[in-house]
Protein backbone atom coordinates (compact mmCIF):
# COMPACT_ATOMS: atom_id res chain seq x y z
CA MET A 1 104.67 -131.77 45.41
CA LYS A 2 104.77 -130.97 41.71
CA ASP A 3 106.66 -127.75 42.38
CA THR A 4 109.25 -129.68 44.39
CA SER A 5 109.66 -132.20 41.59
CA LYS A 6 109.92 -129.44 39.00
CA LYS A 7 112.51 -127.61 41.10
CA ALA A 8 114.54 -130.79 41.46
CA GLN A 9 114.46 -131.33 37.70
CA GLU A 10 115.56 -127.74 37.09
CA GLU A 11 118.45 -128.11 39.54
CA LEU A 12 119.48 -131.37 37.87
CA SER A 13 119.33 -129.73 34.45
CA LEU A 14 121.42 -126.82 35.74
CA GLU A 15 124.01 -129.23 37.11
CA LYS A 16 124.19 -131.00 33.75
CA ASP A 17 124.60 -127.68 31.94
CA LEU A 18 127.32 -126.59 34.34
CA LEU A 19 129.10 -129.93 33.90
CA GLN A 20 128.88 -129.72 30.11
CA GLY A 21 130.08 -126.11 30.18
CA LEU A 22 133.05 -127.13 32.28
CA LEU A 23 133.86 -130.05 29.98
CA ASP A 24 133.58 -127.87 26.88
CA ASN A 25 136.18 -125.45 28.24
CA ILE A 26 138.78 -128.19 28.76
CA PRO A 27 141.31 -128.13 25.87
CA ASP A 28 141.44 -131.96 25.79
CA ALA A 29 139.04 -134.54 24.42
CA VAL A 30 136.84 -135.75 27.29
CA TYR A 31 134.32 -138.54 26.80
CA PHE A 32 132.20 -140.91 28.89
CA LYS A 33 131.27 -144.49 28.04
CA ASP A 34 128.74 -146.86 29.57
CA LEU A 35 129.32 -150.49 30.53
CA SER A 36 129.02 -151.57 26.88
CA ASN A 37 131.69 -149.01 25.93
CA SER A 38 129.20 -146.87 24.01
CA ILE A 39 129.81 -143.11 24.18
CA ILE A 40 127.18 -141.35 26.31
CA ARG A 41 128.73 -137.88 26.60
CA ALA A 42 131.58 -135.94 24.97
CA ASN A 43 132.91 -132.40 25.11
CA LYS A 44 133.33 -129.96 22.23
CA PHE A 45 137.05 -130.71 21.83
CA TYR A 46 136.29 -134.40 21.27
CA VAL A 47 133.49 -133.64 18.82
CA LYS A 48 135.64 -131.16 16.87
CA GLY A 49 138.53 -133.60 16.70
CA MET A 50 136.28 -136.31 15.29
CA GLY A 51 134.92 -133.92 12.66
CA LEU A 52 131.38 -135.15 13.30
CA ASP A 53 128.15 -133.87 14.82
CA ILE A 54 127.50 -134.84 18.44
CA LYS A 55 124.40 -136.77 17.29
CA GLU A 56 126.66 -138.95 15.13
CA ILE A 57 128.80 -139.82 18.18
CA ILE A 58 126.43 -140.51 21.06
CA GLY A 59 125.50 -144.19 21.32
CA LYS A 60 128.37 -145.29 19.07
CA THR A 61 131.54 -147.21 19.92
CA ASP A 62 135.13 -146.84 18.79
CA PHE A 63 134.48 -149.51 16.15
CA ASP A 64 132.22 -146.99 14.38
CA PHE A 65 135.05 -144.47 13.99
CA PHE A 66 138.45 -146.16 13.93
CA PRO A 67 140.18 -149.01 12.04
CA TYR A 68 139.37 -152.40 13.56
CA ASP A 69 142.75 -153.13 15.17
CA GLN A 70 142.90 -149.65 16.64
CA ALA A 71 139.33 -149.81 17.95
CA LYS A 72 139.93 -153.30 19.36
CA GLN A 73 142.85 -152.03 21.44
CA MET A 74 140.73 -149.14 22.75
CA PHE A 75 137.93 -151.60 23.56
CA GLU A 76 140.34 -153.88 25.44
CA ASP A 77 141.64 -150.91 27.45
CA ASP A 78 138.07 -149.96 28.43
CA LYS A 79 137.32 -153.56 29.43
CA SER A 80 140.46 -153.67 31.57
CA VAL A 81 139.51 -150.49 33.43
CA LEU A 82 136.00 -151.81 34.07
CA ALA A 83 137.19 -155.26 35.16
CA THR A 84 140.02 -154.18 37.45
CA GLY A 85 138.95 -150.73 38.59
CA ARG A 86 142.48 -149.56 37.84
CA PRO A 87 142.95 -146.52 35.59
CA ILE A 88 145.17 -146.42 32.52
CA VAL A 89 147.27 -143.29 32.84
CA GLY A 90 149.20 -141.52 30.09
CA LYS A 91 149.06 -144.15 27.35
CA ILE A 92 150.66 -142.88 24.13
CA GLU A 93 148.71 -143.80 21.00
CA ARG A 94 148.79 -143.01 17.30
CA THR A 95 145.26 -142.84 15.92
CA LEU A 96 143.66 -142.56 12.49
CA LEU A 97 140.74 -140.15 12.67
CA PRO A 98 137.51 -140.47 10.61
CA ASN A 99 138.72 -137.62 8.34
CA GLY A 100 141.73 -139.72 7.30
CA THR A 101 144.40 -137.83 9.25
CA TRP A 102 146.77 -139.34 11.81
CA ASN A 103 147.45 -137.85 15.20
CA GLN A 104 149.46 -138.80 18.24
CA VAL A 105 147.74 -138.59 21.58
CA ILE A 106 148.22 -139.39 25.24
CA THR A 107 145.19 -140.97 26.89
CA THR A 108 144.01 -141.55 30.46
CA LYS A 109 141.00 -143.74 31.24
CA ILE A 110 139.40 -144.03 34.69
CA PRO A 111 136.45 -146.04 36.05
CA MET A 112 133.18 -144.30 37.00
CA TYR A 113 130.88 -145.32 39.87
CA ASP A 114 127.43 -144.32 41.07
CA LYS A 115 126.61 -143.20 44.64
CA THR A 116 126.43 -146.81 45.80
CA GLY A 117 129.87 -147.62 44.45
CA LYS A 118 128.54 -149.63 41.52
CA SER A 119 130.54 -149.43 38.29
CA ILE A 120 128.65 -147.51 35.59
CA GLY A 121 131.29 -146.94 32.90
CA THR A 122 134.53 -145.12 32.10
CA MET A 123 135.75 -141.59 31.50
CA GLY A 124 138.52 -140.90 29.00
CA ILE A 125 140.73 -137.84 28.66
CA THR A 126 142.84 -137.61 25.50
CA ARG A 127 145.40 -134.88 24.79
CA ASP A 128 146.56 -134.24 21.23
CA MET A 129 150.37 -134.41 21.10
CA THR A 130 150.71 -134.37 17.31
CA THR A 131 152.52 -131.04 17.06
CA TYR A 132 154.98 -132.00 19.76
CA ALA A 133 155.46 -135.45 18.22
CA ASN A 134 156.17 -133.91 14.81
CA LEU A 135 158.73 -131.54 16.31
CA GLU A 136 160.39 -134.47 18.10
CA ARG A 137 160.40 -136.45 14.86
CA GLU A 138 162.04 -133.55 13.05
CA ARG A 139 164.68 -133.31 15.77
CA ILE A 140 165.44 -137.01 15.53
CA THR A 141 165.60 -136.76 11.73
CA MET A 142 168.14 -133.95 12.00
CA LEU A 143 170.29 -136.02 14.36
CA ILE A 144 170.07 -139.05 12.09
CA ASN A 145 171.05 -136.94 9.09
CA ALA A 146 174.07 -135.65 11.01
CA LEU A 147 175.11 -139.21 11.82
CA THR A 148 174.64 -140.11 8.15
CA ILE A 149 177.73 -138.07 7.35
CA LEU A 150 179.79 -140.26 9.65
CA GLY A 151 178.25 -143.36 8.10
CA LYS A 152 179.24 -142.15 4.64
CA ALA A 153 182.78 -141.53 5.87
CA LEU A 154 182.93 -145.12 7.15
CA GLU A 155 181.63 -146.39 3.81
CA LEU A 156 184.37 -144.57 1.91
CA ARG A 157 187.06 -145.78 4.27
CA ASP A 158 185.93 -149.37 4.82
CA PRO A 159 183.13 -150.65 2.52
CA TYR A 160 183.16 -154.08 4.24
CA THR A 161 182.32 -152.70 7.69
CA PHE A 162 179.66 -150.45 6.19
CA SER A 163 178.00 -153.41 4.46
CA HIS A 164 178.17 -155.41 7.70
CA THR A 165 176.40 -152.71 9.73
CA ARG A 166 173.57 -152.44 7.20
CA HIS A 167 173.03 -156.20 7.32
CA VAL A 168 173.09 -156.25 11.12
CA ALA A 169 170.52 -153.45 11.21
CA SER A 170 168.21 -155.46 8.93
CA ILE A 171 168.53 -158.59 11.08
CA ALA A 172 167.84 -156.64 14.26
CA GLU A 173 164.84 -154.95 12.67
CA SER A 174 163.42 -158.34 11.62
CA ILE A 175 163.80 -159.64 15.17
CA VAL A 176 162.02 -156.72 16.86
CA LYS A 177 159.16 -156.90 14.36
CA VAL A 178 158.56 -160.50 15.44
CA LEU A 179 158.72 -159.37 19.07
CA GLY A 180 156.05 -156.75 18.32
CA TRP A 181 158.00 -153.72 19.48
CA ASP A 182 156.56 -150.26 18.84
CA GLU A 183 157.76 -147.93 16.09
CA ASN A 184 159.95 -145.89 18.41
CA ARG A 185 161.89 -148.88 19.75
CA LEU A 186 162.15 -150.31 16.24
CA LEU A 187 163.75 -147.08 15.06
CA GLY A 188 166.22 -147.18 17.95
CA MET A 189 167.14 -150.78 17.17
CA ARG A 190 167.61 -150.05 13.49
CA LEU A 191 169.79 -147.03 14.21
CA ALA A 192 171.89 -148.96 16.73
CA GLY A 193 172.53 -151.60 14.07
CA GLU A 194 173.55 -148.99 11.55
CA LEU A 195 175.97 -147.31 13.96
CA HIS A 196 177.30 -150.10 16.18
CA ASP A 197 180.66 -150.36 14.38
CA LEU A 198 181.09 -146.64 13.72
CA GLY A 199 183.94 -146.59 16.24
CA LYS A 200 186.04 -148.61 13.77
CA ILE A 201 186.55 -145.41 11.82
CA SER A 202 189.51 -144.72 14.13
CA ILE A 203 191.05 -148.22 13.81
CA PRO A 204 193.96 -148.50 11.29
CA LEU A 205 192.84 -150.26 8.10
CA ASP A 206 195.82 -152.60 8.12
CA ILE A 207 194.48 -154.01 11.41
CA LEU A 208 190.80 -154.03 10.39
CA ASN A 209 191.57 -155.88 7.15
CA LYS A 210 194.51 -157.99 8.33
CA PRO A 211 194.24 -161.43 6.64
CA GLY A 212 196.11 -163.30 9.40
CA LYS A 213 195.61 -163.74 13.12
CA LEU A 214 195.59 -160.57 15.20
CA SER A 215 198.15 -160.04 17.92
CA ARG A 216 196.92 -159.41 21.47
CA LEU A 217 197.61 -155.68 21.08
CA GLU A 218 195.83 -155.53 17.73
CA TYR A 219 192.80 -157.32 19.19
CA CYS A 220 192.71 -154.83 22.06
CA LEU A 221 192.69 -152.01 19.52
CA ILE A 222 189.78 -153.64 17.69
CA GLN A 223 187.84 -153.86 20.95
CA GLU A 224 188.27 -150.12 21.41
CA HIS A 225 185.74 -149.50 18.63
CA VAL A 226 182.90 -150.04 21.13
CA VAL A 227 184.17 -147.34 23.49
CA ASN A 228 185.00 -145.05 20.55
CA CYS A 229 181.44 -145.22 19.23
CA TYR A 230 179.94 -144.78 22.71
CA ASN A 231 182.02 -141.64 23.31
CA LEU A 232 181.01 -140.33 19.91
CA ILE A 233 177.23 -140.50 20.51
CA LYS A 234 176.77 -140.58 24.31
CA ASP A 235 175.92 -136.88 24.62
CA ILE A 236 173.29 -136.93 21.87
CA GLU A 237 169.73 -137.16 23.24
CA PHE A 238 167.50 -139.83 21.74
CA PRO A 239 164.17 -141.25 22.98
CA PHE A 240 165.93 -144.62 23.28
CA PRO A 241 169.25 -145.66 24.91
CA LEU A 242 171.23 -145.62 21.67
CA ALA A 243 174.69 -145.11 23.16
CA GLU A 244 174.17 -147.83 25.77
CA ILE A 245 172.92 -150.32 23.16
CA VAL A 246 176.09 -149.81 21.15
CA TYR A 247 178.25 -149.89 24.27
CA GLN A 248 176.88 -153.30 25.28
CA HIS A 249 176.63 -155.16 21.97
CA HIS A 250 179.78 -157.22 22.62
CA GLU A 251 178.78 -158.11 26.18
CA ARG A 252 177.69 -161.69 26.89
CA LEU A 253 175.27 -163.07 29.48
CA ASP A 254 178.02 -165.08 31.21
CA GLY A 255 180.29 -162.05 31.56
CA SER A 256 182.75 -163.19 28.90
CA GLY A 257 182.17 -160.20 26.66
CA TYR A 258 183.65 -156.70 26.59
CA PRO A 259 184.32 -153.89 27.42
CA ARG A 260 182.70 -154.01 30.90
CA LYS A 261 182.21 -157.77 31.44
CA LEU A 262 178.50 -157.22 32.12
CA LYS A 263 176.37 -160.22 33.07
CA GLY A 264 172.74 -161.28 32.84
CA ASP A 265 170.10 -158.62 33.48
CA LYS A 266 172.69 -155.85 33.41
CA ILE A 267 172.71 -156.24 29.62
CA ILE A 268 169.71 -154.42 28.12
CA GLN A 269 167.38 -156.23 25.71
CA GLU A 270 168.36 -154.12 22.70
CA ALA A 271 172.03 -154.98 23.19
CA ARG A 272 171.17 -158.68 23.40
CA ILE A 273 169.37 -158.43 20.06
CA LEU A 274 172.28 -156.55 18.51
CA ALA A 275 174.75 -159.14 19.82
CA VAL A 276 172.91 -162.04 18.16
CA SER A 277 172.43 -160.06 14.95
CA ASP A 278 176.12 -159.19 14.87
CA VAL A 279 177.24 -162.82 15.34
CA LEU A 280 174.79 -164.12 12.73
CA GLU A 281 175.90 -161.63 10.08
CA ALA A 282 179.62 -161.97 10.82
CA MET A 283 179.61 -165.76 10.58
CA THR A 284 177.55 -165.99 7.40
CA HIS A 285 179.57 -163.49 5.40
CA TYR A 286 183.12 -163.11 4.22
CA ARG A 287 185.61 -161.58 6.62
CA PRO A 288 189.03 -160.24 5.65
CA TYR A 289 190.70 -163.08 7.57
CA ARG A 290 188.43 -166.00 6.50
CA GLU A 291 185.74 -167.19 4.10
CA ALA A 292 182.05 -167.12 5.04
CA LEU A 293 181.15 -169.92 7.46
CA GLY A 294 177.48 -170.10 6.49
CA ILE A 295 174.10 -170.35 8.22
CA ASP A 296 174.70 -173.83 9.69
CA LYS A 297 177.86 -172.76 11.55
CA ALA A 298 176.15 -169.60 12.76
CA GLN A 299 173.25 -171.64 14.12
CA GLU A 300 175.66 -173.99 15.87
CA GLU A 301 177.36 -171.05 17.60
CA LEU A 302 174.07 -169.49 18.67
CA GLU A 303 172.62 -172.81 19.83
CA GLU A 304 175.71 -173.63 21.90
CA GLY A 305 175.64 -170.20 23.53
CA MET A 306 171.84 -170.07 23.92
CA GLY A 307 171.03 -169.00 27.47
CA LEU A 308 174.74 -168.83 28.31
CA LYS A 309 176.14 -166.09 26.12
CA TYR A 310 173.10 -165.18 24.04
CA ASP A 311 169.51 -164.41 25.00
CA SER A 312 167.41 -167.57 24.46
CA LYS A 313 164.28 -165.74 23.28
CA VAL A 314 166.25 -163.74 20.72
CA VAL A 315 167.99 -166.85 19.41
CA GLU A 316 164.63 -168.63 19.09
CA VAL A 317 163.30 -165.73 17.01
CA VAL A 318 166.36 -165.90 14.73
CA PHE A 319 165.94 -169.65 14.24
CA LYS A 320 162.28 -169.07 13.40
CA LEU A 321 163.21 -166.43 10.81
CA ILE A 322 165.86 -168.68 9.26
CA LYS A 323 163.38 -171.56 8.96
CA GLU A 324 160.64 -169.35 7.49
CA ASN A 325 163.07 -168.06 4.86
CA GLY A 326 164.22 -171.48 3.67
CA ARG A 327 167.52 -171.33 5.58
CA LYS A 328 168.69 -168.52 3.30
CA VAL A 329 170.34 -165.20 4.17
CA PHE A 330 167.03 -163.39 4.61
CA TRP A 331 168.38 -159.95 5.46
CA VAL A 332 170.31 -159.07 2.29
CA GLY A 333 168.39 -156.84 -0.08
CA GLN A 334 165.90 -155.52 2.51
CA GLN A 335 167.95 -152.60 3.82
CA ALA A 336 165.81 -149.59 4.69
CA THR A 337 166.81 -146.00 3.98
CA LEU A 338 166.96 -144.93 7.62
CA LEU A 339 170.22 -143.11 7.12
CA GLY A 340 169.41 -141.85 3.67
CA ARG A 341 171.04 -144.69 1.74
């Protein structure tokens, strides 16, 4: 009887060694947590990435290693997997490691069950994507720098339009921060604001800066700036729909906009934000053909068009920002240096 028990223990130990050997040869961080989200097993890649000894990891939770907000999100993800039985697949995260360095990872978490089907914890697999992310960031930076040249050309040709685009970018950035968008989408929104009027570089200055009312033909030429900008950037690859955001920023929910008369859900969220930002900036600042109308008039326009021409949620965020900033022009003076300015 004892021999049988001893043999069973040896076989179990062998299985554990084989499992650990397999885990240690996987070039991703693999870790197991119990029902309290404490780490009960981890492979060498995980241990090396943490820069700690395995004894300093087992029995600990993410709160022992990561900043609170970061650990809280990880904890909520684990709870969700345990509660629903549904895995989280391919979640992209940026994490601060115990050694003080940042990395970008892609994580999958799945539920674990015993032989009876009872939930016993979770397994996580995290792949380090930092090198790839840095290369992608460098590529985006190079593209942005190339577009900077065009922005400088617009500044030299038409300082008013250049100032307008910077203000619109700041308004749009403020809106998406309230909405809690991630860094990547925030960058796309900021860049769209900076570039949305770039197509005006091909519009004659005597039309752009005409003090009187535009003729129908002149107005049609002005509208062409949207298509001009779209054609200029449509073949450049970005991790966000930059060209489409710019293309749609004069569209309106009721189909009264241009150039494609898009309606409702066919207008992407970024374009809706850019549309409201554009109207707010244009109405509160001097235009070549009129004086500034001010915040009150801008609010009237947005309130009248709320849910009809302009996205209600976006307008509500703008009104909130205006109120919090004492009904002042909150976006002037906070321009970032996204395009090197």
